[in-house]
C-alpha atoms as a PDB file:
ATOM      1  CA  MET A   1      41.194  66.081 -84.750  1.00  0.00           C
ATOM      2  CA  GLY A   2      40.729  63.003 -86.997  1.00  0.00           C
ATOM      3  CA  SER A   3      38.041  60.494 -86.035  1.00  0.00           C
ATOM      4  CA  LYS A   4      38.514  60.866 -82.261  1.00  0.00           C
ATOM      5  CA  ARG A   5      35.801  62.602 -80.290  1.00  0.00           C
ATOM      6  CA  VAL A   6      36.741  66.123 -79.214  1.00  0.00           C
ATOM      7  CA  THR A   7      36.663  66.510 -75.439  1.00  0.00           C
ATOM      8  CA  LEU A   8      35.479  69.394 -73.318  1.00  0.00           C
ATOM      9  CA  ALA A   9      38.982  69.637 -71.849  1.00  0.00           C
ATOM     10  CA  GLN A  10      40.406  70.321 -75.319  1.00  0.00           C
ATOM     11  CA  VAL A  11      37.809  73.042 -75.859  1.00  0.00           C
ATOM     12  CA  ALA A  12      38.697  74.629 -72.510  1.00  0.00           C
ATOM     13  CA  GLU A  13      42.409  74.549 -73.305  1.00  0.00           C
ATOM     14  CA  LEU A  14      41.957  76.263 -76.673  1.00  0.00           C
ATOM     15  CA  ALA A  15      39.602  78.840 -75.152  1.00  0.00           C
ATOM     16  CA  GLY A  16      42.021  79.566 -72.308  1.00  0.00           C
ATOM     17  CA  VAL A  17      39.469  78.829 -69.573  1.00  0.00           C
ATOM     18  CA  SER A  18      39.007  76.138 -66.939  1.00  0.00           C
ATOM     19  CA  VAL A  19      37.148  72.933 -67.714  1.00  0.00           C
ATOM     20  CA  MET A  20      34.552  74.002 -65.144  1.00  0.00           C
ATOM     21  CA  THR A  21      33.915  77.258 -67.022  1.00  0.00           C
ATOM     22  CA  ALA A  22      33.571  75.336 -70.288  1.00  0.00           C
ATOM     23  CA  SER A  23      31.120  72.958 -68.612  1.00  0.00           C
ATOM     24  CA  TYR A  24      29.077  75.833 -67.196  1.00  0.00           C
ATOM     25  CA  THR A  25      28.854  77.316 -70.697  1.00  0.00           C
ATOM     26  CA  TYR A  26      26.700  74.343 -71.733  1.00  0.00           C
ATOM     27  CA  ASN A  27      24.996  73.330 -68.508  1.00  0.00           C
ATOM     28  CA  GLN A  28      24.637  76.546 -66.472  1.00  0.00           C
ATOM     29  CA  PRO A  29      25.278  79.441 -68.878  1.00  0.00           C
ATOM     30  CA  ASN A  30      24.035  82.019 -66.363  1.00  0.00           C
ATOM     31  CA  ARG A  31      27.184  81.354 -64.315  1.00  0.00           C
ATOM     32  CA  VAL A  32      29.537  82.327 -67.169  1.00  0.00           C
ATOM     33  CA  SER A  33      30.394  85.810 -68.429  1.00  0.00           C
ATOM     34  CA  ASP A  34      29.519  86.747 -71.989  1.00  0.00           C
ATOM     35  CA  GLN A  35      33.216  87.022 -72.825  1.00  0.00           C
ATOM     36  CA  ALA A  36      34.078  83.560 -71.485  1.00  0.00           C
ATOM     37  CA  ARG A  37      31.046  82.035 -73.185  1.00  0.00           C
ATOM     38  CA  SER A  38      32.062  83.517 -76.528  1.00  0.00           C
ATOM     39  CA  LYS A  39      35.599  82.096 -76.168  1.00  0.00           C
ATOM     40  CA  VAL A  40      34.282  78.613 -75.360  1.00  0.00           C
ATOM     41  CA  LEU A  41      31.764  78.554 -78.207  1.00  0.00           C
ATOM     42  CA  ALA A  42      34.374  79.850 -80.677  1.00  0.00           C
ATOM     43  CA  ALA A  43      36.832  77.150 -79.604  1.00  0.00           C
ATOM     44  CA  ALA A  44      34.102  74.502 -79.829  1.00  0.00           C
ATOM     45  CA  ALA A  45      33.246  75.596 -83.373  1.00  0.00           C
ATOM     46  CA  GLN A  46      36.918  75.523 -84.369  1.00  0.00           C
ATOM     47  CA  LEU A  47      37.409  72.012 -82.993  1.00  0.00           C
ATOM     48  CA  GLY A  48      34.054  70.661 -84.183  1.00  0.00           C
ATOM     49  CA  TYR A  49      32.788  70.044 -80.648  1.00  0.00           C
ATOM     50  CA  ALA A  50      29.000  69.467 -80.687  1.00  0.00           C
ATOM     51  CA  GLY A  51      28.435  69.679 -76.928  1.00  0.00           C
ATOM     52  CA  PRO A  52      28.415  67.293 -73.968  1.00  0.00           C
ATOM     53  CA  ASP A  53      27.501  63.663 -74.639  1.00  0.00           C
ATOM     54  CA  PRO A  54      23.797  63.458 -73.689  1.00  0.00           C
ATOM     55  CA  SER A  55      24.049  59.781 -72.723  1.00  0.00           C
ATOM     56  CA  ALA A  56      26.899  60.511 -70.335  1.00  0.00           C
ATOM     57  CA  ARG A  57      24.995  63.436 -68.850  1.00  0.00           C
ATOM     58  CA  SER A  58      21.931  61.234 -68.341  1.00  0.00           C
ATOM     59  CA  LEU A  59      24.108  58.629 -66.634  1.00  0.00           C
ATOM     60  CA  ARG A  60      25.518  61.213 -64.236  1.00  0.00           C
ATOM     61  CA  ARG A  61      22.141  62.533 -63.179  1.00  0.00           C
ATOM     62  CA  GLY A  62      20.498  59.071 -63.170  1.00  0.00           C
ATOM     63  CA  SER A  63      17.670  60.160 -65.465  1.00  0.00           C
ATOM     64  CA  THR A  64      16.979  60.289 -69.184  1.00  0.00           C
ATOM     65  CA  ARG A  65      13.886  62.489 -68.781  1.00  0.00           C
ATOM     66  CA  THR A  66      12.098  60.140 -71.170  1.00  0.00           C
ATOM     67  CA  LEU A  67       9.097  57.816 -70.820  1.00  0.00           C
ATOM     68  CA  GLY A  68       8.955  54.589 -72.799  1.00  0.00           C
ATOM     69  CA  VAL A  69       5.688  53.454 -74.396  1.00  0.00           C
ATOM     70  CA  VAL A  70       5.730  49.692 -74.933  1.00  0.00           C
ATOM     71  CA  LEU A  71       3.479  49.213 -77.935  1.00  0.00           C
ATOM     72  CA  GLY A  72       2.384  45.670 -78.731  1.00  0.00           C
ATOM     73  CA  GLU A  73       1.963  46.476 -82.404  1.00  0.00           C
ATOM     74  CA  HIS A  74       4.132  47.294 -85.385  1.00  0.00           C
ATOM     75  CA  LEU A  75       5.602  50.798 -85.089  1.00  0.00           C
ATOM     76  CA  SER A  76       3.421  52.185 -87.896  1.00  0.00           C
ATOM     77  CA  TYR A  77       0.317  51.370 -85.808  1.00  0.00           C
ATOM     78  CA  ALA A  78       1.201  54.298 -83.526  1.00  0.00           C
ATOM     79  CA  PHE A  79       0.712  56.661 -86.454  1.00  0.00           C
ATOM     80  CA  ASP A  80      -2.041  54.880 -88.429  1.00  0.00           C
ATOM     81  CA  ASP A  81      -4.587  53.968 -85.756  1.00  0.00           C
ATOM     82  CA  PRO A  82      -6.668  56.989 -84.673  1.00  0.00           C
ATOM     83  CA  GLN A  83      -7.040  55.799 -81.092  1.00  0.00           C
ATOM     84  CA  ALA A  84      -3.331  54.989 -80.727  1.00  0.00           C
ATOM     85  CA  VAL A  85      -2.610  58.506 -82.014  1.00  0.00           C
ATOM     86  CA  SER A  86      -5.003  59.964 -79.448  1.00  0.00           C
ATOM     87  CA  PHE A  87      -3.499  57.880 -76.637  1.00  0.00           C
ATOM     88  CA  LEU A  88       0.046  58.950 -77.517  1.00  0.00           C
ATOM     89  CA  ALA A  89      -1.070  62.594 -77.751  1.00  0.00           C
ATOM     90  CA  GLY A  90      -2.308  62.387 -74.162  1.00  0.00           C
ATOM     91  CA  ILE A  91       1.070  61.036 -73.066  1.00  0.00           C
ATOM     92  CA  ALA A  92       2.865  63.748 -75.031  1.00  0.00           C
ATOM     93  CA  ASP A  93       0.745  66.488 -73.429  1.00  0.00           C
ATOM     94  CA  VAL A  94       1.902  65.478 -69.950  1.00  0.00           C
ATOM     95  CA  CYS A  95       5.504  64.779 -70.940  1.00  0.00           C
ATOM     96  CA  ALA A  96       5.829  68.164 -72.634  1.00  0.00           C
ATOM     97  CA  GLY A  97       4.598  69.863 -69.473  1.00  0.00           C
ATOM     98  CA  HIS A  98       7.289  68.113 -67.436  1.00  0.00           C
ATOM     99  CA  GLY A  99      10.098  68.540 -69.948  1.00  0.00           C
ATOM    100  CA  TYR A 100      10.123  64.836 -70.816  1.00  0.00           C
ATOM    101  CA  GLY A 101      10.437  63.067 -74.144  1.00  0.00           C
ATOM    102  CA  VAL A 102       8.656  59.909 -75.353  1.00  0.00           C
ATOM    103  CA  THR A 103      10.289  56.787 -76.756  1.00  0.00           C
ATOM    104  CA  ILE A 104       8.107  54.188 -78.497  1.00  0.00           C
ATOM    105  CA  VAL A 105       9.281  50.615 -77.864  1.00  0.00           C
ATOM    106  CA  PRO A 106       7.484  48.416 -80.431  1.00  0.00           C
ATOM    107  CA  ILE A 107       6.851  44.799 -79.433  1.00  0.00           C
ATOM    108  CA  THR A 108       6.113  42.346 -82.236  1.00  0.00           C
ATOM    109  CA  GLY A 109       6.503  38.925 -80.608  1.00  0.00           C
ATOM    110  CA  ALA A 110      10.107  38.604 -81.788  1.00  0.00           C
ATOM    111  CA  ALA A 111      12.809  36.977 -79.676  1.00  0.00           C
ATOM    112  CA  ASP A 112      14.456  40.321 -78.932  1.00  0.00           C
ATOM    113  CA  ASP A 113      11.345  41.983 -77.425  1.00  0.00           C
ATOM    114  CA  VAL A 114      12.539  41.477 -73.848  1.00  0.00           C
ATOM    115  CA  THR A 115      16.001  42.779 -74.689  1.00  0.00           C
ATOM    116  CA  ARG A 116      14.481  45.853 -76.327  1.00  0.00           C
ATOM    117  CA  VAL A 117      12.566  46.614 -73.137  1.00  0.00           C
ATOM    118  CA  ARG A 118      15.508  45.915 -70.875  1.00  0.00           C
ATOM    119  CA  ASP A 119      17.837  48.160 -72.872  1.00  0.00           C
ATOM    120  CA  ALA A 120      15.417  51.085 -73.273  1.00  0.00           C
ATOM    121  CA  ALA A 121      16.979  54.279 -71.888  1.00  0.00           C
ATOM    122  CA  VAL A 122      13.847  55.574 -70.167  1.00  0.00           C
ATOM    123  CA  ASP A 123      12.812  56.608 -66.656  1.00  0.00           C
ATOM    124  CA  GLY A 124       9.509  54.735 -66.671  1.00  0.00           C
ATOM    125  CA  PHE A 125       7.197  52.653 -68.828  1.00  0.00           C
ATOM    126  CA  ILE A 126       3.648  52.807 -70.142  1.00  0.00           C
ATOM    127  CA  VAL A 127       2.510  49.452 -71.506  1.00  0.00           C
ATOM    128  CA  TRP A 128      -0.180  49.519 -74.202  1.00  0.00           C
ATOM    129  CA  THR A 129      -2.868  46.859 -73.753  1.00  0.00           C
ATOM    130  CA  THR A 130      -1.295  43.418 -73.950  1.00  0.00           C
ATOM    131  CA  ALA A 131      -1.934  39.756 -73.148  1.00  0.00           C
ATOM    132  CA  ASP A 132      -1.768  38.043 -69.769  1.00  0.00           C
ATOM    133  CA  ASP A 133       1.114  35.842 -70.925  1.00  0.00           C
ATOM    134  CA  ASP A 134       3.236  38.554 -72.567  1.00  0.00           C
ATOM    135  CA  PRO A 135       6.874  38.166 -71.383  1.00  0.00           C
ATOM    136  CA  ILE A 136       7.467  41.895 -71.676  1.00  0.00           C
ATOM    137  CA  ILE A 137       5.407  42.405 -68.502  1.00  0.00           C
ATOM    138  CA  ALA A 138       8.058  40.569 -66.476  1.00  0.00           C
ATOM    139  CA  ALA A 139      10.787  42.427 -68.376  1.00  0.00           C
ATOM    140  CA  VAL A 140       9.259  45.801 -67.461  1.00  0.00           C
ATOM    141  CA  ARG A 141       8.892  44.800 -63.814  1.00  0.00           C
ATOM    142  CA  ALA A 142      12.510  43.611 -63.746  1.00  0.00           C
ATOM    143  CA  THR A 143      13.748  47.108 -64.616  1.00  0.00           C
ATOM    144  CA  LYS A 144      12.284  48.329 -61.283  1.00  0.00           C
ATOM    145  CA  ARG A 145      11.261  51.580 -62.957  1.00  0.00           C
ATOM    146  CA  PRO A 146       7.814  53.134 -62.506  1.00  0.00           C
ATOM    147  CA  ALA A 147       5.374  51.422 -64.852  1.00  0.00           C
ATOM    148  CA  VAL A 148       1.674  51.561 -65.673  1.00  0.00           C
ATOM    149  CA  VAL A 149      -0.439  49.354 -67.949  1.00  0.00           C
ATOM    150  CA  HIS A 150      -3.165  50.723 -70.169  1.00  0.00           C
ATOM    151  CA  GLY A 151      -6.267  48.556 -70.551  1.00  0.00           C
ATOM    152  CA  GLY A 152      -4.830  45.431 -68.972  1.00  0.00           C
ATOM    153  CA  PRO A 153      -3.782  43.067 -67.669  1.00  0.00           C
ATOM    154  CA  ALA A 154      -3.708  44.080 -64.022  1.00  0.00           C
ATOM    155  CA  VAL A 155      -0.188  43.444 -62.742  1.00  0.00           C
ATOM    156  CA  ARG A 156       0.926  43.544 -59.131  1.00  0.00           C
ATOM    157  CA  GLY A 157       3.227  46.483 -58.511  1.00  0.00           C
ATOM    158  CA  MET A 158       2.189  48.306 -61.689  1.00  0.00           C
ATOM    159  CA  GLY A 159      -0.545  50.891 -62.146  1.00  0.00           C
ATOM    160  CA  LEU A 160      -3.554  50.247 -64.365  1.00  0.00           C
ATOM    161  CA  VAL A 161      -5.499  52.831 -66.380  1.00  0.00           C
ATOM    162  CA  THR A 162      -8.632  51.530 -68.076  1.00  0.00           C
ATOM    163  CA  ILE A 163     -12.432  51.699 -68.156  1.00  0.00           C
ATOM    164  CA  ASP A 164     -14.937  49.103 -66.981  1.00  0.00           C
ATOM    165  CA  ASN A 165     -14.956  47.264 -70.307  1.00  0.00           C
ATOM    166  CA  ARG A 166     -17.343  44.589 -69.052  1.00  0.00           C
ATOM    167  CA  ALA A 167     -19.996  47.088 -67.970  1.00  0.00           C
ATOM    168  CA  ALA A 168     -19.602  49.150 -71.142  1.00  0.00           C
ATOM    169  CA  ALA A 169     -19.974  46.090 -73.399  1.00  0.00           C
ATOM    170  CA  TYR A 170     -23.048  45.015 -71.467  1.00  0.00           C
ATOM    171  CA  ALA A 171     -24.627  48.453 -71.850  1.00  0.00           C
ATOM    172  CA  VAL A 172     -24.007  48.795 -75.582  1.00  0.00           C
ATOM    173  CA  GLY A 173     -24.844  45.125 -76.125  1.00  0.00           C
ATOM    174  CA  LEU A 174     -28.340  45.685 -74.742  1.00  0.00           C
ATOM    175  CA  VAL A 175     -28.813  48.386 -77.380  1.00  0.00           C
ATOM    176  CA  VAL A 176     -27.367  46.695 -80.460  1.00  0.00           C
ATOM    177  CA  PHE A 177     -28.728  43.185 -79.719  1.00  0.00           C
ATOM    178  CA  ALA A 178     -32.271  44.375 -78.875  1.00  0.00           C
ATOM    179  CA  GLY A 179     -34.756  42.589 -81.129  1.00  0.00           C
ATOM    180  CA  ALA A 180     -32.018  40.555 -82.848  1.00  0.00           C
ATOM    181  CA  GLN A 181     -32.338  36.873 -83.716  1.00  0.00           C
ATOM    182  CA  ARG A 182     -28.793  36.233 -84.932  1.00  0.00           C
ATOM    183  CA  PRO A 183     -26.365  38.645 -83.210  1.00  0.00           C
ATOM    184  CA  ALA A 184     -22.626  38.544 -83.799  1.00  0.00           C
ATOM    185  CA  VAL A 185     -19.486  40.166 -82.424  1.00  0.00           C
ATOM    186  CA  VAL A 186     -16.542  41.435 -84.466  1.00  0.00           C
ATOM    187  CA  SER A 187     -13.752  41.054 -81.955  1.00  0.00           C
ATOM    188  CA  CYS A 188     -10.212  42.196 -81.276  1.00  0.00           C
ATOM    189  CA  PRO A 189      -7.573  39.405 -81.045  1.00  0.00           C
ATOM    190  CA  LEU A 190      -7.855  36.746 -78.374  1.00  0.00           C
ATOM    191  CA  SER A 191      -4.118  36.123 -78.025  1.00  0.00           C
ATOM    192  CA  ARG A 192      -0.705  37.379 -79.091  1.00  0.00           C
ATOM    193  CA  GLU A 193      -0.790  34.912 -81.999  1.00  0.00           C
ATOM    194  CA  ARG A 194      -3.485  37.155 -83.529  1.00  0.00           C
ATOM    195  CA  ILE A 195      -5.348  34.429 -85.401  1.00  0.00           C
ATOM    196  CA  SER A 196      -8.496  35.382 -87.337  1.00  0.00           C
ATOM    197  CA  THR A 197     -11.371  32.992 -86.648  1.00  0.00           C
ATOM    198  CA  ILE A 198     -15.158  32.762 -86.903  1.00  0.00           C
ATOM    199  CA  THR A 199     -16.570  30.710 -84.042  1.00  0.00           C
ATOM    200  CA  PRO A 200     -19.975  30.587 -82.323  1.00  0.00           C
ATOM    201  CA  GLY A 201     -20.004  31.214 -78.590  1.00  0.00           C
ATOM    202  CA  VAL A 202     -16.302  31.831 -77.983  1.00  0.00           C
ATOM    203  CA  ALA A 203     -15.594  31.385 -74.273  1.00  0.00           C
ATOM    204  CA  PRO A 204     -14.555  34.804 -72.932  1.00  0.00           C
ATOM    205  CA  SER A 205     -12.043  33.076 -70.654  1.00  0.00           C
ATOM    206  CA  SER A 206     -10.123  31.928 -73.747  1.00  0.00           C
ATOM    207  CA  ALA A 207      -9.153  35.531 -74.498  1.00  0.00           C
ATOM    208  CA  LEU A 208      -5.714  36.312 -73.078  1.00  0.00           C
ATOM    209  CA  PHE A 209      -6.134  40.030 -73.773  1.00  0.00           C
ATOM    210  CA  ALA A 210      -7.952  41.372 -70.711  1.00  0.00           C
ATOM    211  CA  VAL A 211      -9.772  44.063 -72.704  1.00  0.00           C
ATOM    212  CA  THR A 212     -11.095  41.522 -75.228  1.00  0.00           C
ATOM    213  CA  ARG A 213     -12.056  39.108 -72.450  1.00  0.00           C
ATOM    214  CA  HIS A 214     -13.993  41.699 -70.464  1.00  0.00           C
ATOM    215  CA  ARG A 215     -15.849  42.962 -73.528  1.00  0.00           C
ATOM    216  CA  LEU A 216     -16.855  39.444 -74.520  1.00  0.00           C
ATOM    217  CA  GLU A 217     -18.121  38.909 -70.972  1.00  0.00           C
ATOM    218  CA  GLY A 218     -20.215  42.061 -71.224  1.00  0.00           C
ATOM    219  CA  TYR A 219     -21.653  41.144 -74.621  1.00  0.00           C
ATOM    220  CA  ARG A 220     -22.498  37.666 -73.339  1.00  0.00           C
ATOM    221  CA  GLN A 221     -24.319  39.101 -70.331  1.00  0.00           C
ATOM    222  CA  ALA A 222     -26.328  41.409 -72.578  1.00  0.00           C
ATOM    223  CA  ALA A 223     -27.233  38.636 -75.022  1.00  0.00           C
ATOM    224  CA  GLU A 224     -28.349  36.285 -72.267  1.00  0.00           C
ATOM    225  CA  GLU A 225     -30.428  38.994 -70.593  1.00  0.00           C
ATOM    226  CA  LEU A 226     -32.210  39.465 -73.924  1.00  0.00           C
ATOM    227  CA  GLY A 227     -32.939  35.726 -74.126  1.00  0.00           C
ATOM    228  CA  ILE A 228     -30.187  34.900 -76.632  1.00  0.00           C
ATOM    229  CA  ALA A 229     -27.985  31.897 -75.837  1.00  0.00           C
ATOM    230  CA  TRP A 230     -24.303  32.802 -76.023  1.00  0.00           C
ATOM    231  CA  HIS A 231     -23.485  29.658 -78.015  1.00  0.00           C
ATOM    232  CA  ASP A 232     -25.687  31.091 -80.773  1.00  0.00           C
ATOM    233  CA  VAL A 233     -23.682  34.333 -80.955  1.00  0.00           C
ATOM    234  CA  VAL A 234     -20.983  34.146 -83.648  1.00  0.00           C
ATOM    235  CA  VAL A 235     -17.682  35.788 -82.701  1.00  0.00           C
ATOM    236  CA  ALA A 236     -15.542  36.877 -85.660  1.00  0.00           C
ATOM    237  CA  VAL A 237     -12.017  37.556 -84.417  1.00  0.00           C
ATOM    238  CA  CYS A 238      -9.863  39.996 -86.385  1.00  0.00           C
ATOM    239  CA  ALA A 239      -6.080  39.749 -86.196  1.00  0.00           C
ATOM    240  CA  ARG A 240      -5.760  43.540 -86.315  1.00  0.00           C
ATOM    241  CA  ASN A 241      -7.880  46.574 -85.564  1.00  0.00           C
ATOM    242  CA  ASP A 242      -8.287  47.304 -89.240  1.00  0.00           C
ATOM    243  CA  VAL A 243     -11.192  48.536 -91.379  1.00  0.00           C
ATOM    244  CA  THR A 244     -10.396  46.297 -94.340  1.00  0.00           C
ATOM    245  CA  GLU A 245     -10.035  43.114 -92.294  1.00  0.00           C
ATOM    246  CA  ALA A 246     -13.309  43.819 -90.493  1.00  0.00           C
ATOM    247  CA  GLU A 247     -14.995  44.400 -93.857  1.00  0.00           C
ATOM    248  CA  HIS A 248     -13.755  41.080 -95.227  1.00  0.00           C
ATOM    249  CA  ILE A 249     -14.708  39.049 -92.171  1.00  0.00           C
ATOM    250  CA  THR A 250     -18.163  40.685 -92.077  1.00  0.00           C
ATOM    251  CA  ALA A 251     -18.663  39.891 -95.769  1.00  0.00           C
ATOM    252  CA  THR A 252     -18.025  36.239 -94.883  1.00  0.00           C
ATOM    253  CA  LEU A 253     -20.612  36.412 -92.097  1.00  0.00           C
ATOM    254  CA  LEU A 254     -23.205  38.002 -94.366  1.00  0.00           C
ATOM    255  CA  ALA A 255     -22.680  35.352 -97.050  1.00  0.00           C
ATOM    256  CA  SER A 256     -23.444  32.511 -94.624  1.00  0.00           C
ATOM    257  CA  ASP A 257     -26.729  30.585 -94.477  1.00  0.00           C
ATOM    258  CA  GLU A 258     -27.691  32.457 -91.299  1.00  0.00           C
ATOM    259  CA  PRO A 259     -26.301  35.990 -91.657  1.00  0.00           C
ATOM    260  CA  PRO A 260     -26.276  38.179 -88.535  1.00  0.00           C
ATOM    261  CA  ASP A 261     -28.929  40.811 -88.010  1.00  0.00           C
ATOM    262  CA  ALA A 262     -26.889  42.655 -85.346  1.00  0.00           C
ATOM    263  CA  ILE A 263     -23.133  43.145 -85.020  1.00  0.00           C
ATOM    264  CA  ALA A 264     -21.272  44.611 -82.046  1.00  0.00           C
ATOM    265  CA  ALA A 265     -17.756  45.648 -83.059  1.00  0.00           C
ATOM    266  CA  MET A 266     -14.968  46.247 -80.554  1.00  0.00           C
ATOM    267  CA  SER A 267     -13.771  49.428 -82.258  1.00  0.00           C
ATOM    268  CA  ASP A 268     -15.151  52.129 -84.498  1.00  0.00           C
ATOM    269  CA  GLU A 269     -12.579  51.161 -87.139  1.00  0.00           C
ATOM    270  CA  GLN A 270     -13.989  47.643 -87.170  1.00  0.00           C
ATOM    271  CA  ALA A 271     -17.552  48.990 -87.178  1.00  0.00           C
ATOM    272  CA  ALA A 272     -16.709  51.087 -90.239  1.00  0.00           C
ATOM    273  CA  GLY A 273     -15.654  47.872 -91.994  1.00  0.00           C
ATOM    274  CA  VAL A 274     -18.908  46.230 -90.902  1.00  0.00           C
ATOM    275  CA  VAL A 275     -20.913  49.103 -92.396  1.00  0.00           C
ATOM    276  CA  ARG A 276     -19.005  48.861 -95.686  1.00  0.00           C
ATOM    277  CA  ALA A 277     -19.670  45.136 -95.957  1.00  0.00           C
ATOM    278  CA  ALA A 278     -23.346  45.615 -95.091  1.00  0.00           C
ATOM    279  CA  HIS A 279     -23.796  48.218 -97.801  1.00  0.00           C
ATOM    280  CA  ALA A 280     -21.988  46.016-100.340  1.00  0.00           C
ATOM    281  CA  ALA A 281     -24.341  43.143 -99.467  1.00  0.00           C
ATOM    282  CA  GLY A 282     -27.398  45.349 -99.892  1.00  0.00           C
ATOM    283  CA  ARG A 283     -28.249  45.430 -96.167  1.00  0.00           C
ATOM    284  CA  VAL A 284     -30.072  48.489 -94.872  1.00  0.00           C
ATOM    285  CA  ILE A 285     -28.856  49.738 -91.481  1.00  0.00           C
ATOM    286  CA  PRO A 286     -30.590  49.596 -89.009  1.00  0.00           C
ATOM    287  CA  ASP A 287     -33.638  48.014 -90.673  1.00  0.00           C
ATOM    288  CA  ASP A 288     -31.885  44.809 -91.782  1.00  0.00           C
ATOM    289  CA  MET A 289     -28.972  44.889 -89.367  1.00  0.00           C
ATOM    290  CA  THR A 290     -27.941  46.978 -86.373  1.00  0.00           C
ATOM    291  CA  VAL A 291     -24.307  47.921 -85.743  1.00  0.00           C
ATOM    292  CA  SER A 292     -22.325  49.331 -82.817  1.00  0.00           C
ATOM    293  CA  GLY A 293     -18.729  50.406 -82.432  1.00  0.00           C
ATOM    294  CA  TRP A 294     -16.385  51.458 -79.657  1.00  0.00           C
ATOM    295  CA  ASP A 295     -14.380  54.649 -78.870  1.00  0.00           C
ATOM    296  CA  ASP A 296     -16.581  57.385 -80.390  1.00  0.00           C
ATOM    297  CA  ALA A 297     -13.894  58.319 -82.881  1.00  0.00           C
ATOM    298  CA  ALA A 298     -14.439  60.760 -85.739  1.00  0.00           C
ATOM    299  CA  VAL A 299     -15.550  57.916 -88.025  1.00  0.00           C
ATOM    300  CA  ALA A 300     -18.344  57.034 -85.569  1.00  0.00           C
ATOM    301  CA  GLN A 301     -19.769  60.523 -85.809  1.00  0.00           C
ATOM    302  CA  ARG A 302     -19.446  60.523 -89.595  1.00  0.00           C
ATOM    303  CA  LEU A 303     -21.266  57.193 -89.989  1.00  0.00           C
ATOM    304  CA  GLY A 304     -23.826  57.801 -87.250  1.00  0.00           C
ATOM    305  CA  LEU A 305     -22.541  54.830 -85.250  1.00  0.00           C
ATOM    306  CA  THR A 306     -23.946  53.864 -81.904  1.00  0.00           C
ATOM    307  CA  THR A 307     -20.800  53.402 -79.848  1.00  0.00           C
ATOM    308  CA  VAL A 308     -19.066  53.438 -76.492  1.00  0.00           C
ATOM    309  CA  ALA A 309     -17.487  56.814 -75.868  1.00  0.00           C
ATOM    310  CA  GLN A 310     -14.182  56.961 -74.029  1.00  0.00           C
ATOM    311  CA  SER A 311     -11.210  59.310 -74.162  1.00  0.00           C
ATOM    312  CA  LEU A 312      -7.968  57.559 -75.077  1.00  0.00           C
ATOM    313  CA  ARG A 313      -6.271  60.941 -74.864  1.00  0.00           C
ATOM    314  CA  ASP A 314      -7.326  61.356 -71.235  1.00  0.00           C
ATOM    315  CA  GLN A 315      -6.236  57.803 -70.495  1.00  0.00           C
ATOM    316  CA  GLY A 316      -2.847  58.416 -72.096  1.00  0.00           C
ATOM    317  CA  ALA A 317      -2.439  61.504 -69.947  1.00  0.00           C
ATOM    318  CA  ALA A 318      -3.412  59.538 -66.825  1.00  0.00           C
ATOM    319  CA  CYS A 319      -0.819  56.868 -67.691  1.00  0.00           C
ATOM    320  CA  ALA A 320       1.908  59.482 -68.089  1.00  0.00           C
ATOM    321  CA  GLN A 321       0.997  61.213 -64.838  1.00  0.00           C
ATOM    322  CA  ALA A 322       1.078  57.889 -63.010  1.00  0.00           C
ATOM    323  CA  ALA A 323       4.445  56.893 -64.493  1.00  0.00           C
ATOM    324  CA  LEU A 324       6.004  60.277 -63.757  1.00  0.00           C
ATOM    325  CA  GLY A 325       4.638  60.182 -60.219  1.00  0.00           C
ATOM    326  CA  GLY A 326       6.950  57.289 -59.396  1.00  0.00           C
ATOM    327  CA  LYS A 327       4.235  55.267 -57.611  1.00  0.00           C
ATOM    328  CA  PRO A 328       1.653  54.516 -60.316  1.00  0.00           C
ATOM    329  CA  ASP A 329      -1.909  54.213 -59.088  1.00  0.00           C
ATOM    330  CA  SER A 330      -4.811  52.474 -60.787  1.00  0.00           C
ATOM    331  CA  TYR A 331      -7.420  54.660 -62.449  1.00  0.00           C
ATOM    332  CA  ALA A 332     -10.829  53.897 -63.974  1.00  0.00           C
ATOM    333  CA  ASP A 333     -11.836  56.409 -66.638  1.00  0.00           C
ATOM    334  CA  ALA A 334     -15.386  57.427 -67.554  1.00  0.00           C
ATOM    335  CA  TRP A 335     -17.344  55.946 -70.455  1.00  0.00           C
ATOM    336  CA  SER A 336     -20.842  56.278 -71.908  1.00  0.00           C
ATOM    337  CA  VAL A 337     -23.016  54.771 -74.620  1.00  0.00           C
ATOM    338  CA  VAL A 338     -23.751  57.151 -77.487  1.00  0.00           C
ATOM    339  CA  ARG A 339     -26.852  56.132 -79.428  1.00  0.00           C
ATOM    340  CA  ARG A 340     -27.008  57.110 -83.100  1.00  0.00           C
ATOM    341  CA  THR A 341     -28.668  55.863 -86.286  1.00  0.00           C
ATOM    342  CA  THR A 342     -27.066  52.397 -86.636  1.00  0.00           C
ATOM    343  CA  THR A 343     -29.341  51.015 -83.903  1.00  0.00           C
ATOM    344  CA  ARG A 344     -33.082  51.244 -83.368  1.00  0.00           C
ATOM    345  CA  GLY A 345     -34.998  53.190 -80.757  1.00  0.00           C
END
């Protein structure tokens, strides 16, 4: 047949059956006799026909039976970061139960991000935590498909699945900052530019990522309740949620003239980097320095980290259920503070 695509009509002609019978062989096999099915499949094999074009079939039924996950990170992050893996597993659990697939749409700040969203062949979107000014939010809304945001920001017409990050940061901040004289925060990025900085008293309102902003607000409230002025709290911003980067930035903090004696990290991965740097600098935890993390991942249990427990898997499942429901609702998941050996008391 050369390079031309074999058609179903050609298969039907060679098999000596109607096009409808050939179509039923692939789409509704229970409506075709065993003899007719055998003829169609034999003719298809002879002609090299692989089956109906899935994109055309999706177009006819108006559905791809796929959810798109808009991930504001490099694609490898979905497989390297333990919490991203857990979140995606929750989505996959729900999609598998509904016979849906999952397409990851990575967003890196490139000029074609909006086009990538617009052209995604999906029935709905789940947007991983992003910044208030991210243009992909408008691009997702413009598709008029069901969409839900994880973490933030809150967007009119889109569902939101998150926890009360402000309250959780306040609660864990009271634990890790208790008795401290020079507390610090190892923070997630403030903006999509992802610039690493070390600055005392960063204004929470300067963070364009809602999750980062709310956690900074909670830490500030805790510090001030303990009699610590926020402008005295150093905020070390990491460009990525990465153990090695957190280790390096903590090493810089510990080498300063006034090293911190308490560090609240915004993830357990970051907290693991903090612990590494502390050990390398000869600090004893929690005697010389207290540490807290966030997520209650496996590394938190292994290191005895005090942390905020939340289930990214449950939140991923809630996002998928909302997106598949067609009218995404907002949902606040449970959280708790887990106290272990990296804090006192």
